[in-house]
Structures are given as structure tokens and as C-alpha cells.
Amino acid sequence: MTQAGIIVKNIMSQAWIMIMALIVLIAFLGMLAQVFKGASGALLGTNLWVAEAVAGVLGILVVVLFGFMGLPAIVRAASVGTVGGSCGPISEVGQFAGSLIGAIGGIRMAIAVFQAVASAAVGGSGGMSTALTEMAETVFGMLLITVAAPVAAAFFGVC
């Protein structure tokens, strides 16, 4: 079971690295587009374009900071909430399930951050709100799982 967990963890970490590289690329291009929009707005004298560009750059920056600072902490917290103090196969299954839940939650959160950055890069708000909703769903689901795992372990008879 631990070998399967290591393989799944390696696959998920590779996927996370790829998604984060795409986030950095999209964020850079989106902020560059917003800077150009702000510069053209300043040259034309339209304050609305400048304000939209500043808000777009700040929005992209906040979402990217959340992705790089908050996401690893959430995944670590989900991985720590595994079954402890047990023996036998329930311990291995609990550790594998905790790792898998953390990895899937991390990838789902990374995809939501990617959608939010892409939406903010083009100046849309609909995709951003959907992505933020998905982030909240993932955090809530991970919290429920960390509560459910010890209850299930007690039900199955932890040593």
C-alpha cells in the first residue's frame, strides 16, 4: 500500500508542478496585458481603463499569492489529519487515503487557481467567481474528510 501511495504522490506532484508553471505563465501574460491596458488608458486619458488595469493586476497578484502560499498549507493540513495510533491494515489504508485526499484536493485547488488567474487575466469576473466557489468547496470537503476519517477508524476498530 505504501508503494502505491508513493507512486500516486509522485504523479500528483508532477501534475501540481505543471499546473503551477502554467499559472505563473498565464499570470505573467495577464499582468502584462493589464499593464498595457493601463498605459494605453493613461495615454488616451481614460481613467476607467487605468482603474480596471490596476484592479486586474491586483486581482491576479492576490490569486497567485493564494495559490503559492495557501495551497501547500491546505494540502499539508489534509495530509496530517490521517489516522494515527492504529495498527494493521487500517493504518496503511488511512495513511494512503489521507495522502490521496490531500493530493486530489491540491490538484483541484490548483486548477481552480488557474481558472481564476486566466479569468482575471482577460478581465472577466464570471470565471473568477466560479473558481473561488470551487476553492471554497474543496476546503470545506477537506475539512469534512478530516473529521470523517477518525470516525471511520473508530468504527472499524482502531487498535
N, C-alpha and C. Protein backbone atom coordinates (compact mmCIF):
# COMPACT_ATOMS: atom_id res chain seq x y z
N MET A 1 0.83 -1.19 0.00
CA MET A 1 0.00 0.00 0.00
C MET A 1 0.88 1.25 0.00
N THR A 2 2.00 1.22 0.70
CA THR A 2 2.85 2.41 0.75
C THR A 2 3.51 2.67 -0.60
N GLN A 3 3.83 1.61 -1.36
CA GLN A 3 4.42 1.80 -2.69
C GLN A 3 3.42 2.47 -3.63
N ALA A 4 2.16 2.05 -3.55
CA ALA A 4 1.12 2.67 -4.37
C ALA A 4 0.95 4.14 -3.98
N GLY A 5 1.01 4.42 -2.69
CA GLY A 5 0.92 5.80 -2.22
C GLY A 5 2.05 6.66 -2.73
N ILE A 6 3.25 6.11 -2.77
CA ILE A 6 4.41 6.87 -3.28
C ILE A 6 4.25 7.16 -4.76
N ILE A 7 3.77 6.17 -5.52
CA ILE A 7 3.58 6.36 -6.96
C ILE A 7 2.51 7.43 -7.22
N VAL A 8 1.38 7.33 -6.51
CA VAL A 8 0.30 8.32 -6.68
C VAL A 8 0.78 9.71 -6.27
N LYS A 9 1.54 9.78 -5.20
CA LYS A 9 2.05 11.08 -4.74
C LYS A 9 3.00 11.69 -5.76
N ASN A 10 3.85 10.87 -6.39
CA ASN A 10 4.76 11.38 -7.42
C ASN A 10 3.99 11.89 -8.63
N ILE A 11 2.96 11.14 -9.05
CA ILE A 11 2.16 11.58 -10.20
C ILE A 11 1.45 12.89 -9.88
N MET A 12 0.87 12.99 -8.69
CA MET A 12 0.16 14.21 -8.31
C MET A 12 1.12 15.40 -8.16
N SER A 13 2.33 15.16 -7.67
CA SER A 13 3.27 16.27 -7.54
C SER A 13 3.74 16.76 -8.91
N GLN A 14 3.89 15.84 -9.86
CA GLN A 14 4.25 16.25 -11.23
C GLN A 14 3.11 17.09 -11.84
N ALA A 15 1.88 16.66 -11.63
CA ALA A 15 0.74 17.41 -12.15
C ALA A 15 0.65 18.78 -11.49
N TRP A 16 0.92 18.84 -10.18
CA TRP A 16 0.87 20.12 -9.46
C TRP A 16 1.94 21.07 -9.99
N ILE A 17 3.14 20.56 -10.25
CA ILE A 17 4.22 21.40 -10.77
C ILE A 17 3.85 21.95 -12.15
N MET A 18 3.26 21.11 -12.98
CA MET A 18 2.86 21.55 -14.32
C MET A 18 1.77 22.63 -14.25
N ILE A 19 0.79 22.42 -13.39
CA ILE A 19 -0.29 23.40 -13.26
C ILE A 19 0.25 24.72 -12.71
N MET A 20 1.16 24.65 -11.74
CA MET A 20 1.72 25.88 -11.18
C MET A 20 2.59 26.63 -12.21
N ALA A 21 3.30 25.88 -13.07
CA ALA A 21 4.07 26.54 -14.12
C ALA A 21 3.14 27.26 -15.10
N LEU A 22 2.01 26.63 -15.42
CA LEU A 22 1.03 27.29 -16.29
C LEU A 22 0.43 28.52 -15.62
N ILE A 23 0.21 28.43 -14.31
CA ILE A 23 -0.34 29.58 -13.57
C ILE A 23 0.62 30.75 -13.64
N VAL A 24 1.90 30.49 -13.45
CA VAL A 24 2.90 31.56 -13.49
C VAL A 24 2.93 32.20 -14.88
N LEU A 25 2.89 31.36 -15.92
CA LEU A 25 2.92 31.88 -17.29
C LEU A 25 1.68 32.72 -17.59
N ILE A 26 0.50 32.21 -17.26
CA ILE A 26 -0.74 32.94 -17.52
C ILE A 26 -0.79 34.22 -16.69
N ALA A 27 -0.33 34.16 -15.44
CA ALA A 27 -0.33 35.35 -14.58
C ALA A 27 0.59 36.43 -15.15
N PHE A 28 1.76 36.01 -15.61
CA PHE A 28 2.70 36.98 -16.19
C PHE A 28 2.10 37.64 -17.43
N LEU A 29 1.54 36.83 -18.32
CA LEU A 29 0.95 37.39 -19.54
C LEU A 29 -0.27 38.25 -19.22
N GLY A 30 -1.08 37.83 -18.25
CA GLY A 30 -2.25 38.62 -17.87
C GLY A 30 -1.87 39.95 -17.26
N MET A 31 -0.86 39.95 -16.40
CA MET A 31 -0.43 41.21 -15.80
C MET A 31 0.20 42.12 -16.85
N LEU A 32 0.93 41.53 -17.80
CA LEU A 32 1.50 42.32 -18.89
C LEU A 32 0.39 42.96 -19.73
N ALA A 33 -0.66 42.20 -20.03
CA ALA A 33 -1.79 42.75 -20.79
C ALA A 33 -2.48 43.88 -20.01
N GLN A 34 -2.62 43.70 -18.69
CA GLN A 34 -3.25 44.74 -17.88
C GLN A 34 -2.38 46.00 -17.82
N VAL A 35 -1.06 45.82 -17.76
CA VAL A 35 -0.16 46.97 -17.76
C VAL A 35 -0.27 47.73 -19.08
N PHE A 36 -0.34 46.99 -20.19
CA PHE A 36 -0.52 47.65 -21.48
C PHE A 36 -1.86 48.37 -21.56
N LYS A 37 -2.89 47.77 -20.99
CA LYS A 37 -4.22 48.41 -20.97
C LYS A 37 -4.17 49.70 -20.15
N GLY A 38 -3.48 49.64 -19.00
CA GLY A 38 -3.36 50.83 -18.16
C GLY A 38 -2.54 51.92 -18.83
N ALA A 39 -1.48 51.52 -19.52
CA ALA A 39 -0.65 52.51 -20.21
C ALA A 39 -1.41 53.17 -21.35
N SER A 40 -2.16 52.36 -22.11
CA SER A 40 -2.94 52.96 -23.19
C SER A 40 -4.07 53.84 -22.64
N GLY A 41 -4.65 53.44 -21.53
CA GLY A 41 -5.67 54.26 -20.91
C GLY A 41 -5.11 55.58 -20.40
N ALA A 42 -3.88 55.52 -19.87
CA ALA A 42 -3.25 56.77 -19.40
C ALA A 42 -2.92 57.68 -20.57
N LEU A 43 -2.48 57.11 -21.70
CA LEU A 43 -2.17 57.92 -22.87
C LEU A 43 -3.42 58.56 -23.48
N LEU A 44 -4.52 57.81 -23.46
CA LEU A 44 -5.77 58.34 -24.01
C LEU A 44 -6.55 59.20 -23.02
N GLY A 45 -6.17 59.14 -21.76
CA GLY A 45 -6.84 59.95 -20.75
C GLY A 45 -8.12 59.34 -20.22
N THR A 46 -8.27 58.04 -20.32
CA THR A 46 -9.47 57.38 -19.79
C THR A 46 -9.15 56.77 -18.43
N ASN A 47 -9.72 57.36 -17.42
CA ASN A 47 -9.45 56.90 -16.07
C ASN A 47 -10.03 55.52 -15.80
N LEU A 48 -11.11 55.16 -16.49
CA LEU A 48 -11.74 53.87 -16.28
C LEU A 48 -10.81 52.73 -16.69
N TRP A 49 -10.12 52.87 -17.81
CA TRP A 49 -9.19 51.82 -18.24
C TRP A 49 -8.04 51.67 -17.26
N VAL A 50 -7.56 52.78 -16.74
CA VAL A 50 -6.46 52.72 -15.78
C VAL A 50 -6.91 52.04 -14.50
N ALA A 51 -8.10 52.37 -14.02
CA ALA A 51 -8.61 51.75 -12.80
C ALA A 51 -8.85 50.26 -13.00
N GLU A 52 -9.41 49.88 -14.17
CA GLU A 52 -9.61 48.47 -14.46
C GLU A 52 -8.29 47.72 -14.54
N ALA A 53 -7.28 48.34 -15.10
CA ALA A 53 -5.97 47.69 -15.22
C ALA A 53 -5.32 47.49 -13.86
N VAL A 54 -5.41 48.49 -13.00
CA VAL A 54 -4.84 48.36 -11.65
C VAL A 54 -5.58 47.27 -10.87
N ALA A 55 -6.91 47.25 -10.97
CA ALA A 55 -7.68 46.22 -10.30
C ALA A 55 -7.36 44.84 -10.86
N GLY A 56 -7.15 44.74 -12.16
CA GLY A 56 -6.80 43.46 -12.77
C GLY A 56 -5.45 42.94 -12.30
N VAL A 57 -4.47 43.81 -12.24
CA VAL A 57 -3.13 43.41 -11.77
C VAL A 57 -3.20 42.98 -10.31
N LEU A 58 -3.91 43.74 -9.48
CA LEU A 58 -4.03 43.37 -8.07
C LEU A 58 -4.79 42.06 -7.89
N GLY A 59 -5.84 41.86 -8.69
CA GLY A 59 -6.60 40.61 -8.61
C GLY A 59 -5.75 39.40 -8.98
N ILE A 60 -4.99 39.52 -10.04
CA ILE A 60 -4.10 38.42 -10.45
C ILE A 60 -3.08 38.16 -9.37
N LEU A 61 -2.50 39.21 -8.82
CA LEU A 61 -1.47 39.06 -7.79
C LEU A 61 -2.02 38.37 -6.54
N VAL A 62 -3.22 38.75 -6.12
CA VAL A 62 -3.81 38.14 -4.92
C VAL A 62 -4.10 36.66 -5.14
N VAL A 63 -4.65 36.32 -6.31
CA VAL A 63 -4.97 34.91 -6.57
C VAL A 63 -3.70 34.07 -6.67
N VAL A 64 -2.67 34.60 -7.30
CA VAL A 64 -1.41 33.85 -7.41
C VAL A 64 -0.77 33.68 -6.04
N LEU A 65 -0.79 34.72 -5.21
CA LEU A 65 -0.24 34.59 -3.86
C LEU A 65 -1.01 33.55 -3.05
N PHE A 66 -2.34 33.52 -3.21
CA PHE A 66 -3.13 32.50 -2.54
C PHE A 66 -2.72 31.11 -3.02
N GLY A 67 -2.52 30.98 -4.32
CA GLY A 67 -2.13 29.68 -4.87
C GLY A 67 -0.79 29.19 -4.37
N PHE A 68 0.17 30.09 -4.25
CA PHE A 68 1.50 29.66 -3.85
C PHE A 68 1.72 29.61 -2.35
N MET A 69 0.92 30.36 -1.58
CA MET A 69 1.12 30.36 -0.13
C MET A 69 0.06 29.54 0.60
N GLY A 70 -1.19 29.62 0.17
CA GLY A 70 -2.26 28.93 0.87
C GLY A 70 -2.43 27.48 0.48
N LEU A 71 -2.20 27.19 -0.79
CA LEU A 71 -2.43 25.84 -1.28
C LEU A 71 -1.55 24.78 -0.64
N PRO A 72 -0.23 24.99 -0.51
CA PRO A 72 0.58 23.96 0.16
C PRO A 72 0.21 23.76 1.63
N ALA A 73 -0.20 24.82 2.30
CA ALA A 73 -0.60 24.68 3.71
C ALA A 73 -1.88 23.86 3.83
N ILE A 74 -2.81 24.03 2.91
CA ILE A 74 -4.06 23.27 2.95
C ILE A 74 -3.79 21.79 2.68
N VAL A 75 -2.91 21.50 1.72
CA VAL A 75 -2.59 20.10 1.41
C VAL A 75 -1.87 19.45 2.58
N ARG A 76 -0.94 20.19 3.21
CA ARG A 76 -0.25 19.65 4.39
C ARG A 76 -1.23 19.37 5.52
N ALA A 77 -2.19 20.26 5.72
CA ALA A 77 -3.17 20.07 6.79
C ALA A 77 -4.04 18.85 6.53
N ALA A 78 -4.39 18.60 5.27
CA ALA A 78 -5.19 17.42 4.96
C ALA A 78 -4.39 16.15 5.13
N SER A 79 -3.11 16.20 4.83
CA SER A 79 -2.27 15.01 4.96
C SER A 79 -1.98 14.68 6.42
N VAL A 80 -1.95 15.69 7.29
CA VAL A 80 -1.68 15.46 8.71
C VAL A 80 -2.87 14.82 9.39
N GLY A 81 -4.09 15.07 8.89
CA GLY A 81 -5.30 14.57 9.54
C GLY A 81 -5.57 13.11 9.27
N THR A 82 -4.53 12.29 9.11
CA THR A 82 -4.74 10.87 8.85
C THR A 82 -4.92 10.13 10.16
N VAL A 83 -5.24 8.84 10.03
CA VAL A 83 -5.49 8.00 11.20
C VAL A 83 -4.17 7.79 11.93
N GLY A 84 -4.16 8.06 13.21
CA GLY A 84 -2.95 7.88 13.99
C GLY A 84 -3.18 6.93 15.14
N GLY A 85 -2.11 6.31 15.58
CA GLY A 85 -2.19 5.42 16.73
C GLY A 85 -2.86 4.10 16.43
N SER A 86 -2.91 3.71 15.17
CA SER A 86 -3.58 2.47 14.83
C SER A 86 -2.55 1.43 14.39
N CYS A 87 -3.03 0.22 14.25
CA CYS A 87 -2.15 -0.85 13.81
C CYS A 87 -2.86 -1.67 12.75
N GLY A 88 -2.09 -2.39 11.98
CA GLY A 88 -2.67 -3.27 10.98
C GLY A 88 -3.00 -2.55 9.70
N PRO A 89 -3.85 -3.18 8.90
CA PRO A 89 -4.14 -2.62 7.58
C PRO A 89 -4.92 -1.30 7.62
N ILE A 90 -5.69 -1.06 8.68
CA ILE A 90 -6.44 0.19 8.76
C ILE A 90 -5.50 1.39 8.83
N SER A 91 -4.33 1.21 9.42
CA SER A 91 -3.35 2.28 9.48
C SER A 91 -2.83 2.62 8.09
N GLU A 92 -2.49 1.58 7.32
CA GLU A 92 -1.97 1.83 5.98
C GLU A 92 -3.03 2.43 5.07
N VAL A 93 -4.25 1.91 5.17
CA VAL A 93 -5.34 2.44 4.36
C VAL A 93 -5.62 3.90 4.74
N GLY A 94 -5.59 4.21 6.03
CA GLY A 94 -5.80 5.57 6.49
C GLY A 94 -4.73 6.53 5.99
N GLN A 95 -3.47 6.10 6.03
CA GLN A 95 -2.39 6.94 5.54
C GLN A 95 -2.49 7.16 4.03
N PHE A 96 -2.83 6.08 3.31
CA PHE A 96 -2.99 6.19 1.86
C PHE A 96 -4.15 7.11 1.51
N ALA A 97 -5.26 6.94 2.22
CA ALA A 97 -6.43 7.78 1.95
C ALA A 97 -6.14 9.25 2.26
N GLY A 98 -5.43 9.50 3.37
CA GLY A 98 -5.09 10.88 3.70
C GLY A 98 -4.19 11.52 2.66
N SER A 99 -3.22 10.77 2.17
CA SER A 99 -2.33 11.29 1.12
C SER A 99 -3.10 11.53 -0.17
N LEU A 100 -3.97 10.60 -0.50
CA LEU A 100 -4.74 10.73 -1.73
C LEU A 100 -5.71 11.91 -1.67
N ILE A 101 -6.35 12.10 -0.53
CA ILE A 101 -7.27 13.22 -0.36
C ILE A 101 -6.52 14.54 -0.46
N GLY A 102 -5.35 14.62 0.16
CA GLY A 102 -4.55 15.84 0.08
C GLY A 102 -4.09 16.12 -1.34
N ALA A 103 -3.69 15.07 -2.07
CA ALA A 103 -3.21 15.25 -3.43
C ALA A 103 -4.34 15.68 -4.37
N ILE A 104 -5.48 15.01 -4.27
CA ILE A 104 -6.61 15.37 -5.14
C ILE A 104 -7.12 16.77 -4.81
N GLY A 105 -7.20 17.09 -3.52
CA GLY A 105 -7.62 18.43 -3.13
C GLY A 105 -6.65 19.49 -3.62
N GLY A 106 -5.36 19.19 -3.54
CA GLY A 106 -4.35 20.14 -4.01
C GLY A 106 -4.44 20.37 -5.51
N ILE A 107 -4.65 19.32 -6.27
CA ILE A 107 -4.77 19.47 -7.73
C ILE A 107 -6.04 20.22 -8.08
N ARG A 108 -7.13 19.91 -7.37
CA ARG A 108 -8.38 20.63 -7.64
C ARG A 108 -8.24 22.11 -7.31
N MET A 109 -7.57 22.41 -6.21
CA MET A 109 -7.35 23.80 -5.85
C MET A 109 -6.45 24.49 -6.86
N ALA A 110 -5.41 23.78 -7.34
CA ALA A 110 -4.51 24.38 -8.32
C ALA A 110 -5.25 24.68 -9.62
N ILE A 111 -6.14 23.79 -10.03
CA ILE A 111 -6.92 24.04 -11.24
C ILE A 111 -7.85 25.23 -11.04
N ALA A 112 -8.44 25.35 -9.86
CA ALA A 112 -9.31 26.49 -9.57
C ALA A 112 -8.52 27.80 -9.58
N VAL A 113 -7.30 27.77 -9.03
CA VAL A 113 -6.44 28.96 -9.06
C VAL A 113 -6.10 29.30 -10.50
N PHE A 114 -5.81 28.28 -11.32
CA PHE A 114 -5.52 28.50 -12.73
C PHE A 114 -6.70 29.16 -13.44
N GLN A 115 -7.91 28.68 -13.18
CA GLN A 115 -9.10 29.27 -13.80
C GLN A 115 -9.30 30.71 -13.35
N ALA A 116 -9.05 30.97 -12.07
CA ALA A 116 -9.20 32.33 -11.55
C ALA A 116 -8.18 33.28 -12.17
N VAL A 117 -6.94 32.81 -12.31
CA VAL A 117 -5.90 33.65 -12.91
C VAL A 117 -6.21 33.90 -14.38
N ALA A 118 -6.64 32.85 -15.09
CA ALA A 118 -6.97 33.03 -16.51
C ALA A 118 -8.14 33.99 -16.67
N SER A 119 -9.14 33.89 -15.79
CA SER A 119 -10.28 34.79 -15.86
C SER A 119 -9.88 36.23 -15.55
N ALA A 120 -9.05 36.40 -14.53
CA ALA A 120 -8.60 37.75 -14.18
C ALA A 120 -7.69 38.32 -15.25
N ALA A 121 -6.94 37.46 -15.95
CA ALA A 121 -6.03 37.93 -16.99
C ALA A 121 -6.79 38.53 -18.16
N VAL A 122 -7.96 37.99 -18.47
CA VAL A 122 -8.73 38.54 -19.59
C VAL A 122 -9.75 39.58 -19.12
N GLY A 123 -9.82 39.81 -17.83
CA GLY A 123 -10.69 40.85 -17.30
C GLY A 123 -12.10 40.40 -16.99
N GLY A 124 -12.35 39.09 -16.96
CA GLY A 124 -13.68 38.59 -16.67
C GLY A 124 -13.88 38.36 -15.19
N SER A 125 -15.12 38.37 -14.75
CA SER A 125 -15.40 38.13 -13.34
C SER A 125 -16.17 36.83 -13.13
N GLY A 126 -16.86 36.33 -14.15
CA GLY A 126 -17.66 35.11 -14.01
C GLY A 126 -16.80 33.90 -13.70
N GLY A 127 -15.72 33.73 -14.45
CA GLY A 127 -14.81 32.61 -14.21
C GLY A 127 -14.11 32.72 -12.87
N MET A 128 -13.82 33.93 -12.46
CA MET A 128 -13.17 34.15 -11.16
C MET A 128 -14.08 33.74 -10.03
N SER A 129 -15.36 34.11 -10.09
CA SER A 129 -16.27 33.73 -9.00
C SER A 129 -16.51 32.23 -8.98
N THR A 130 -16.58 31.59 -10.15
CA THR A 130 -16.74 30.14 -10.19
C THR A 130 -15.52 29.45 -9.59
N ALA A 131 -14.34 29.93 -9.92
CA ALA A 131 -13.11 29.33 -9.39
C ALA A 131 -13.02 29.52 -7.88
N LEU A 132 -13.40 30.69 -7.39
CA LEU A 132 -13.38 30.91 -5.94
C LEU A 132 -14.37 30.02 -5.22
N THR A 133 -15.53 29.76 -5.87
CA THR A 133 -16.51 28.83 -5.30
C THR A 133 -15.94 27.42 -5.23
N GLU A 134 -15.24 27.00 -6.28
CA GLU A 134 -14.62 25.67 -6.28
C GLU A 134 -13.55 25.56 -5.20
N MET A 135 -12.79 26.63 -4.97
CA MET A 135 -11.78 26.63 -3.91
C MET A 135 -12.46 26.43 -2.55
N ALA A 136 -13.54 27.15 -2.32
CA ALA A 136 -14.25 27.02 -1.04
C ALA A 136 -14.84 25.62 -0.88
N GLU A 137 -15.37 25.05 -1.97
CA GLU A 137 -15.89 23.68 -1.90
C GLU A 137 -14.79 22.69 -1.54
N THR A 138 -13.62 22.86 -2.11
CA THR A 138 -12.51 21.95 -1.83
C THR A 138 -12.08 22.05 -0.38
N VAL A 139 -11.95 23.27 0.14
CA VAL A 139 -11.56 23.45 1.53
C VAL A 139 -12.60 22.83 2.46
N PHE A 140 -13.88 23.07 2.18
CA PHE A 140 -14.95 22.52 3.00
C PHE A 140 -14.96 20.99 2.94
N GLY A 141 -14.78 20.43 1.75
CA GLY A 141 -14.72 18.98 1.60
C GLY A 141 -13.55 18.36 2.34
N MET A 142 -12.40 19.02 2.29
CA MET A 142 -11.23 18.51 3.00
C MET A 142 -11.43 18.58 4.51
N LEU A 143 -12.10 19.62 4.98
CA LEU A 143 -12.40 19.70 6.41
C LEU A 143 -13.34 18.58 6.84
N LEU A 144 -14.35 18.29 6.02
CA LEU A 144 -15.27 17.20 6.35
C LEU A 144 -14.55 15.86 6.37
N ILE A 145 -13.64 15.64 5.45
CA ILE A 145 -12.91 14.37 5.40
C ILE A 145 -12.00 14.22 6.62
N THR A 146 -11.38 15.30 7.08
CA THR A 146 -10.52 15.18 8.26
C THR A 146 -11.33 14.86 9.50
N VAL A 147 -12.61 15.21 9.51
CA VAL A 147 -13.48 14.83 10.62
C VAL A 147 -13.97 13.40 10.44
N ALA A 148 -14.27 13.02 9.20
CA ALA A 148 -14.83 11.70 8.94
C ALA A 148 -13.81 10.57 9.08
N ALA A 149 -12.53 10.83 8.79
CA ALA A 149 -11.52 9.77 8.84
C ALA A 149 -11.35 9.18 10.26
N PRO A 150 -11.23 10.01 11.31
CA PRO A 150 -11.14 9.40 12.65
C PRO A 150 -12.40 8.66 13.09
N VAL A 151 -13.57 9.15 12.66
CA VAL A 151 -14.82 8.47 13.00
C VAL A 151 -14.86 7.10 12.33
N ALA A 152 -14.46 7.03 11.06
CA ALA A 152 -14.44 5.76 10.35
C ALA A 152 -13.42 4.82 10.97
N ALA A 153 -12.27 5.33 11.39
CA ALA A 153 -11.26 4.50 12.03
C ALA A 153 -11.77 3.92 13.34
N ALA A 154 -12.50 4.72 14.10
CA ALA A 154 -13.07 4.22 15.35
C ALA A 154 -14.13 3.16 15.08
N PHE A 155 -14.90 3.36 14.01
CA PHE A 155 -15.92 2.39 13.64
C PHE A 155 -15.32 1.05 13.23
N PHE A 156 -14.22 1.10 12.49
CA PHE A 156 -13.59 -0.13 12.02
C PHE A 156 -12.68 -0.76 13.06
N GLY A 157 -12.54 -0.16 14.20
CA GLY A 157 -11.79 -0.76 15.29
C GLY A 157 -10.31 -0.47 15.27
N VAL A 158 -9.95 0.76 15.60
CA VAL A 158 -8.55 1.12 15.72
C VAL A 158 -7.97 0.48 16.96
N CYS A 159 -6.75 -0.02 16.86
CA CYS A 159 -6.11 -0.70 18.00
C CYS A 159 -5.83 0.25 19.15
